[in-house]
Amino acid sequence: MNVAATASLALAMSTDAFAAAVGKGAALQRPQLREALRTGLIFGVIEGLTPLLGWALGNAAAPYVQAWDHWIAFVLLGALGLRMIHEGWGEPEIEEDKPNSHSFLRLAVTGMATSVDALIVGAGLAFIDANIFVTAAAIGFATFVMVTLGVMLGRGLGALVGKRAEIVGGVVLIVIGSLILYDHLGAAPV
């Protein structure tokens, strides 16, 4: 994967976490930078580790599915992209009480829920020539930045804008999956 594809993937992976962070920021009394950085760090670490786990699982299965690897990556990324687009059209979640901060456990659980897609992407990356460590670091960093911004913007923007960011991320994943398939089929003899 080239730098542009890695950056696009990292940005796409961070959009669902951004959407959750906007919601978290909207649910806080007054989001402070310290809380935004804490939330970004928790989400970023989780989102950066899950592609590594997915890659390890995908690598273990690679010898058995090598002939179909490009189709697997295409289907996984496409399905994930469609799911993100579908969720982006849903109604935003509204939380009633307005705390000053969220508990670590609550943030970690939300971070894990939003990183399932990164796990799947990591599994898909095991089937192509990608540096998983660079990709995972890029995903973790992008998530850290996007979540920090999301928490700070949450109060002003509200959850509606954050949910729509998932649509963009879903489209990017579908495009990346399509490019993987195109590259493989284009390189294959007809």
C-alpha atoms as a PDB file:
ATOM      1  CA  MET A   1       0.000   0.000   0.000  1.00  0.00           C
ATOM      2  CA  ASN A   2       1.239   3.468  -0.820  1.00  0.00           C
ATOM      3  CA  VAL A   3       1.214   6.507   1.454  1.00  0.00           C
ATOM      4  CA  ALA A   4      -2.047   7.886   0.032  1.00  0.00           C
ATOM      5  CA  ALA A   5      -3.852   4.569   0.507  1.00  0.00           C
ATOM      6  CA  THR A   6      -2.517   4.238   4.059  1.00  0.00           C
ATOM      7  CA  ALA A   7      -3.570   7.802   4.919  1.00  0.00           C
ATOM      8  CA  SER A   8      -7.014   7.292   3.368  1.00  0.00           C
ATOM      9  CA  LEU A   9      -7.469   4.034   5.244  1.00  0.00           C
ATOM     10  CA  ALA A  10      -6.386   5.632   8.522  1.00  0.00           C
ATOM     11  CA  LEU A  11      -8.826   8.491   8.003  1.00  0.00           C
ATOM     12  CA  ALA A  12     -11.641   6.104   7.090  1.00  0.00           C
ATOM     13  CA  MET A  13     -10.989   4.005  10.180  1.00  0.00           C
ATOM     14  CA  SER A  14     -11.137   7.070  12.397  1.00  0.00           C
ATOM     15  CA  THR A  15     -14.512   8.348  11.179  1.00  0.00           C
ATOM     16  CA  ASP A  16     -16.673   6.054  13.299  1.00  0.00           C
ATOM     17  CA  ALA A  17     -14.563   6.937  16.342  1.00  0.00           C
ATOM     18  CA  PHE A  18     -14.940  10.625  15.389  1.00  0.00           C
ATOM     19  CA  ALA A  19     -18.715  10.166  15.262  1.00  0.00           C
ATOM     20  CA  ALA A  20     -18.685   8.548  18.698  1.00  0.00           C
ATOM     21  CA  ALA A  21     -16.400  11.303  20.030  1.00  0.00           C
ATOM     22  CA  VAL A  22     -18.699  14.045  18.786  1.00  0.00           C
ATOM     23  CA  GLY A  23     -21.494  12.284  20.642  1.00  0.00           C
ATOM     24  CA  LYS A  24     -19.317  11.973  23.754  1.00  0.00           C
ATOM     25  CA  GLY A  25     -18.394  15.654  23.534  1.00  0.00           C
ATOM     26  CA  ALA A  26     -22.049  16.617  23.099  1.00  0.00           C
ATOM     27  CA  ALA A  27     -22.893  14.552  26.177  1.00  0.00           C
ATOM     28  CA  LEU A  28     -20.377  16.378  28.387  1.00  0.00           C
ATOM     29  CA  GLN A  29     -21.170  19.439  30.447  1.00  0.00           C
ATOM     30  CA  ARG A  30     -18.286  21.393  28.900  1.00  0.00           C
ATOM     31  CA  PRO A  31     -15.632  19.430  27.001  1.00  0.00           C
ATOM     32  CA  GLN A  32     -12.153  20.374  28.219  1.00  0.00           C
ATOM     33  CA  LEU A  33      -8.965  19.809  26.200  1.00  0.00           C
ATOM     34  CA  ARG A  34      -7.624  17.455  28.875  1.00  0.00           C
ATOM     35  CA  GLU A  35     -10.712  15.223  28.578  1.00  0.00           C
ATOM     36  CA  ALA A  36     -10.552  15.379  24.781  1.00  0.00           C
ATOM     37  CA  LEU A  37      -6.873  14.309  24.787  1.00  0.00           C
ATOM     38  CA  ARG A  38      -7.608  11.507  27.281  1.00  0.00           C
ATOM     39  CA  THR A  39     -10.481  10.251  25.147  1.00  0.00           C
ATOM     40  CA  GLY A  40      -8.371  10.516  21.984  1.00  0.00           C
ATOM     41  CA  LEU A  41      -5.542   8.558  23.575  1.00  0.00           C
ATOM     42  CA  ILE A  42      -7.831   5.743  24.743  1.00  0.00           C
ATOM     43  CA  PHE A  43      -9.534   5.447  21.364  1.00  0.00           C
ATOM     44  CA  GLY A  44      -6.252   5.821  19.438  1.00  0.00           C
ATOM     45  CA  VAL A  45      -4.443   3.077  21.346  1.00  0.00           C
ATOM     46  CA  ILE A  46      -7.345   0.661  20.975  1.00  0.00           C
ATOM     47  CA  GLU A  47      -7.859   1.516  17.299  1.00  0.00           C
ATOM     48  CA  GLY A  48      -4.121   1.107  16.661  1.00  0.00           C
ATOM     49  CA  LEU A  49      -3.900  -2.315  18.342  1.00  0.00           C
ATOM     50  CA  THR A  50      -6.931  -3.958  16.758  1.00  0.00           C
ATOM     51  CA  PRO A  51      -5.547  -4.038  13.171  1.00  0.00           C
ATOM     52  CA  LEU A  52      -2.506  -5.875  14.546  1.00  0.00           C
ATOM     53  CA  LEU A  53      -4.765  -8.514  16.086  1.00  0.00           C
ATOM     54  CA  GLY A  54      -6.802  -8.772  12.892  1.00  0.00           C
ATOM     55  CA  TRP A  55      -3.614  -9.039  10.821  1.00  0.00           C
ATOM     56  CA  ALA A  56      -2.332 -11.878  13.026  1.00  0.00           C
ATOM     57  CA  LEU A  57      -5.621 -13.742  12.620  1.00  0.00           C
ATOM     58  CA  GLY A  58      -5.669 -13.086   8.875  1.00  0.00           C
ATOM     59  CA  ASN A  59      -2.048 -14.160   8.530  1.00  0.00           C
ATOM     60  CA  ALA A  60      -2.824 -17.462  10.223  1.00  0.00           C
ATOM     61  CA  ALA A  61      -5.561 -18.078   7.664  1.00  0.00           C
ATOM     62  CA  ALA A  62      -3.617 -16.748   4.643  1.00  0.00           C
ATOM     63  CA  PRO A  63      -2.139 -20.050   3.425  1.00  0.00           C
ATOM     64  CA  TYR A  64      -5.630 -21.511   3.207  1.00  0.00           C
ATOM     65  CA  VAL A  65      -7.226 -18.650   1.287  1.00  0.00           C
ATOM     66  CA  GLN A  66      -4.365 -17.190  -0.766  1.00  0.00           C
ATOM     67  CA  ALA A  67      -6.112 -17.706  -4.110  1.00  0.00           C
ATOM     68  CA  TRP A  68      -9.088 -15.672  -2.902  1.00  0.00           C
ATOM     69  CA  ASP A  69      -7.269 -13.025  -0.825  1.00  0.00           C
ATOM     70  CA  HIS A  70      -8.140 -10.062  -3.070  1.00  0.00           C
ATOM     71  CA  TRP A  71     -11.823 -11.052  -3.040  1.00  0.00           C
ATOM     72  CA  ILE A  72     -11.767 -11.446   0.757  1.00  0.00           C
ATOM     73  CA  ALA A  73     -10.228  -7.989   1.213  1.00  0.00           C
ATOM     74  CA  PHE A  74     -12.741  -6.526  -1.265  1.00  0.00           C
ATOM     75  CA  VAL A  75     -15.753  -8.156   0.436  1.00  0.00           C
ATOM     76  CA  LEU A  76     -14.600  -7.293   3.984  1.00  0.00           C
ATOM     77  CA  LEU A  77     -13.841  -3.654   3.164  1.00  0.00           C
ATOM     78  CA  GLY A  78     -16.965  -3.305   1.004  1.00  0.00           C
ATOM     79  CA  ALA A  79     -19.275  -4.806   3.631  1.00  0.00           C
ATOM     80  CA  LEU A  80     -17.721  -2.682   6.343  1.00  0.00           C
ATOM     81  CA  GLY A  81     -18.057   0.413   4.164  1.00  0.00           C
ATOM     82  CA  LEU A  82     -21.724  -0.339   3.486  1.00  0.00           C
ATOM     83  CA  ARG A  83     -22.342  -0.870   7.211  1.00  0.00           C
ATOM     84  CA  MET A  84     -20.706   2.471   8.016  1.00  0.00           C
ATOM     85  CA  ILE A  85     -22.798   4.219   5.356  1.00  0.00           C
ATOM     86  CA  HIS A  86     -25.963   2.603   6.736  1.00  0.00           C
ATOM     87  CA  GLU A  87     -25.106   3.620  10.304  1.00  0.00           C
ATOM     88  CA  GLY A  88     -24.275   7.138   9.138  1.00  0.00           C
ATOM     89  CA  TRP A  89     -27.855   7.568   7.950  1.00  0.00           C
ATOM     90  CA  GLY A  90     -29.264   6.450  11.321  1.00  0.00           C
ATOM     91  CA  GLU A  91     -30.501   8.727  14.022  1.00  0.00           C
ATOM     92  CA  PRO A  92     -27.855  10.096  16.416  1.00  0.00           C
ATOM     93  CA  GLU A  93     -27.817   8.739  19.946  1.00  0.00           C
ATOM     94  CA  ILE A  94     -28.715  11.283  22.603  1.00  0.00           C
ATOM     95  CA  GLU A  95     -27.521  10.956  26.183  1.00  0.00           C
ATOM     96  CA  GLU A  96     -29.591  12.591  28.920  1.00  0.00           C
ATOM     97  CA  ASP A  97     -27.143  13.374  31.749  1.00  0.00           C
ATOM     98  CA  LYS A  98     -24.209  15.690  31.183  1.00  0.00           C
ATOM     99  CA  PRO A  99     -21.116  14.620  33.149  1.00  0.00           C
ATOM    100  CA  ASN A 100     -17.818  16.544  33.166  1.00  0.00           C
ATOM    101  CA  SER A 101     -15.940  13.437  31.993  1.00  0.00           C
ATOM    102  CA  HIS A 102     -16.576   9.844  30.974  1.00  0.00           C
ATOM    103  CA  SER A 103     -15.229   6.847  32.872  1.00  0.00           C
ATOM    104  CA  PHE A 104     -12.249   4.978  31.475  1.00  0.00           C
ATOM    105  CA  LEU A 105     -14.316   1.793  31.195  1.00  0.00           C
ATOM    106  CA  ARG A 106     -17.052   3.535  29.229  1.00  0.00           C
ATOM    107  CA  LEU A 107     -14.513   5.102  26.856  1.00  0.00           C
ATOM    108  CA  ALA A 108     -12.626   1.806  26.438  1.00  0.00           C
ATOM    109  CA  VAL A 109     -15.816  -0.105  25.654  1.00  0.00           C
ATOM    110  CA  THR A 110     -16.867   2.545  23.132  1.00  0.00           C
ATOM    111  CA  GLY A 111     -13.347   2.514  21.671  1.00  0.00           C
ATOM    112  CA  MET A 112     -13.485  -1.265  21.279  1.00  0.00           C
ATOM    113  CA  ALA A 113     -16.913  -1.079  19.673  1.00  0.00           C
ATOM    114  CA  THR A 114     -15.699   1.438  17.113  1.00  0.00           C
ATOM    115  CA  SER A 115     -12.507  -0.538  16.434  1.00  0.00           C
ATOM    116  CA  VAL A 116     -14.179  -3.731  15.209  1.00  0.00           C
ATOM    117  CA  ASP A 117     -13.799  -2.331  11.702  1.00  0.00           C
ATOM    118  CA  ALA A 118     -10.045  -1.897  12.240  1.00  0.00           C
ATOM    119  CA  LEU A 119      -9.851  -5.551  13.316  1.00  0.00           C
ATOM    120  CA  ILE A 120     -11.545  -6.581  10.075  1.00  0.00           C
ATOM    121  CA  VAL A 121      -9.312  -4.287   8.027  1.00  0.00           C
ATOM    122  CA  GLY A 122      -6.244  -5.767   9.734  1.00  0.00           C
ATOM    123  CA  ALA A 123      -7.408  -9.239   8.745  1.00  0.00           C
ATOM    124  CA  GLY A 124      -7.885  -8.056   5.162  1.00  0.00           C
ATOM    125  CA  LEU A 125      -4.417  -6.466   5.105  1.00  0.00           C
ATOM    126  CA  ALA A 126      -2.848  -9.823   5.909  1.00  0.00           C
ATOM    127  CA  PHE A 127      -3.737 -10.861   2.362  1.00  0.00           C
ATOM    128  CA  ILE A 128      -1.986  -7.984   0.572  1.00  0.00           C
ATOM    129  CA  ASP A 129       1.458  -6.434   0.637  1.00  0.00           C
ATOM    130  CA  ALA A 130       0.995  -3.883   3.412  1.00  0.00           C
ATOM    131  CA  ASN A 131       3.222  -2.885   6.319  1.00  0.00           C
ATOM    132  CA  ILE A 132       0.813  -3.587   9.165  1.00  0.00           C
ATOM    133  CA  PHE A 133       2.860  -1.712  11.747  1.00  0.00           C
ATOM    134  CA  VAL A 134       2.905   1.520   9.724  1.00  0.00           C
ATOM    135  CA  THR A 135      -0.779   1.095   8.885  1.00  0.00           C
ATOM    136  CA  ALA A 136      -1.743   0.376  12.510  1.00  0.00           C
ATOM    137  CA  ALA A 137       0.271   3.370  13.728  1.00  0.00           C
ATOM    138  CA  ALA A 138      -1.391   5.589  11.114  1.00  0.00           C
ATOM    139  CA  ILE A 139      -4.843   4.349  12.141  1.00  0.00           C
ATOM    140  CA  GLY A 140      -4.064   4.908  15.836  1.00  0.00           C
ATOM    141  CA  PHE A 141      -2.697   8.406  15.234  1.00  0.00           C
ATOM    142  CA  ALA A 142      -5.563   9.438  12.950  1.00  0.00           C
ATOM    143  CA  THR A 143      -8.035   8.158  15.516  1.00  0.00           C
ATOM    144  CA  PHE A 144      -6.289  10.053  18.317  1.00  0.00           C
ATOM    145  CA  VAL A 145      -6.473  13.298  16.342  1.00  0.00           C
ATOM    146  CA  MET A 146     -10.029  12.792  15.094  1.00  0.00           C
ATOM    147  CA  VAL A 147     -11.400  11.759  18.499  1.00  0.00           C
ATOM    148  CA  THR A 148      -9.705  14.670  20.249  1.00  0.00           C
ATOM    149  CA  LEU A 149     -11.226  17.053  17.694  1.00  0.00           C
ATOM    150  CA  GLY A 150     -14.562  15.244  17.867  1.00  0.00           C
ATOM    151  CA  VAL A 151     -14.862  15.675  21.625  1.00  0.00           C
ATOM    152  CA  MET A 152     -14.007  19.367  21.395  1.00  0.00           C
ATOM    153  CA  LEU A 153     -16.380  19.934  18.474  1.00  0.00           C
ATOM    154  CA  GLY A 154     -19.121  17.771  19.965  1.00  0.00           C
ATOM    155  CA  ARG A 155     -20.799  20.423  22.020  1.00  0.00           C
ATOM    156  CA  GLY A 156     -21.063  22.842  19.118  1.00  0.00           C
ATOM    157  CA  LEU A 157     -21.774  20.461  16.280  1.00  0.00           C
ATOM    158  CA  GLY A 158     -23.879  17.889  18.044  1.00  0.00           C
ATOM    159  CA  ALA A 159     -24.151  14.212  17.188  1.00  0.00           C
ATOM    160  CA  LEU A 160     -25.847  14.767  13.808  1.00  0.00           C
ATOM    161  CA  VAL A 161     -22.691  15.892  12.009  1.00  0.00           C
ATOM    162  CA  GLY A 162     -20.605  13.170  13.638  1.00  0.00           C
ATOM    163  CA  LYS A 163     -22.896  10.408  12.390  1.00  0.00           C
ATOM    164  CA  ARG A 164     -22.643  11.716   8.839  1.00  0.00           C
ATOM    165  CA  ALA A 165     -18.843  11.420   8.968  1.00  0.00           C
ATOM    166  CA  GLU A 166     -19.323   7.637   8.932  1.00  0.00           C
ATOM    167  CA  ILE A 167     -20.792   7.897   5.431  1.00  0.00           C
ATOM    168  CA  VAL A 168     -17.568   9.403   4.101  1.00  0.00           C
ATOM    169  CA  GLY A 169     -15.509   6.746   5.869  1.00  0.00           C
ATOM    170  CA  GLY A 170     -17.687   3.997   4.411  1.00  0.00           C
ATOM    171  CA  VAL A 171     -17.271   5.325   0.888  1.00  0.00           C
ATOM    172  CA  VAL A 172     -13.480   5.478   1.343  1.00  0.00           C
ATOM    173  CA  LEU A 173     -13.396   1.829   2.501  1.00  0.00           C
ATOM    174  CA  ILE A 174     -15.426   0.711  -0.512  1.00  0.00           C
ATOM    175  CA  VAL A 175     -13.067   2.589  -2.840  1.00  0.00           C
ATOM    176  CA  ILE A 176      -9.984   1.042  -1.199  1.00  0.00           C
ATOM    177  CA  GLY A 177     -11.498  -2.457  -1.435  1.00  0.00           C
ATOM    178  CA  SER A 178     -12.351  -1.852  -5.088  1.00  0.00           C
ATOM    179  CA  LEU A 179      -8.809  -0.650  -5.811  1.00  0.00           C
ATOM    180  CA  ILE A 180      -7.343  -3.786  -4.198  1.00  0.00           C
ATOM    181  CA  LEU A 181      -9.570  -5.946  -6.392  1.00  0.00           C
ATOM    182  CA  TYR A 182      -8.805  -3.868  -9.494  1.00  0.00           C
ATOM    183  CA  ASP A 183      -5.042  -4.015  -8.856  1.00  0.00           C
ATOM    184  CA  HIS A 184      -5.137  -7.783  -8.483  1.00  0.00           C
ATOM    185  CA  LEU A 185      -7.433  -8.460 -11.431  1.00  0.00           C
ATOM    186  CA  GLY A 186      -5.597  -5.931 -13.579  1.00  0.00           C
ATOM    187  CA  ALA A 187      -2.267  -7.626 -12.844  1.00  0.00           C
ATOM    188  CA  ALA A 188      -3.647 -11.118 -13.506  1.00  0.00           C
ATOM    189  CA  PRO A 189      -3.283 -12.532 -17.013  1.00  0.00           C
ATOM    190  CA  VAL A 190      -6.552 -12.668 -18.927  1.00  0.00           C
END
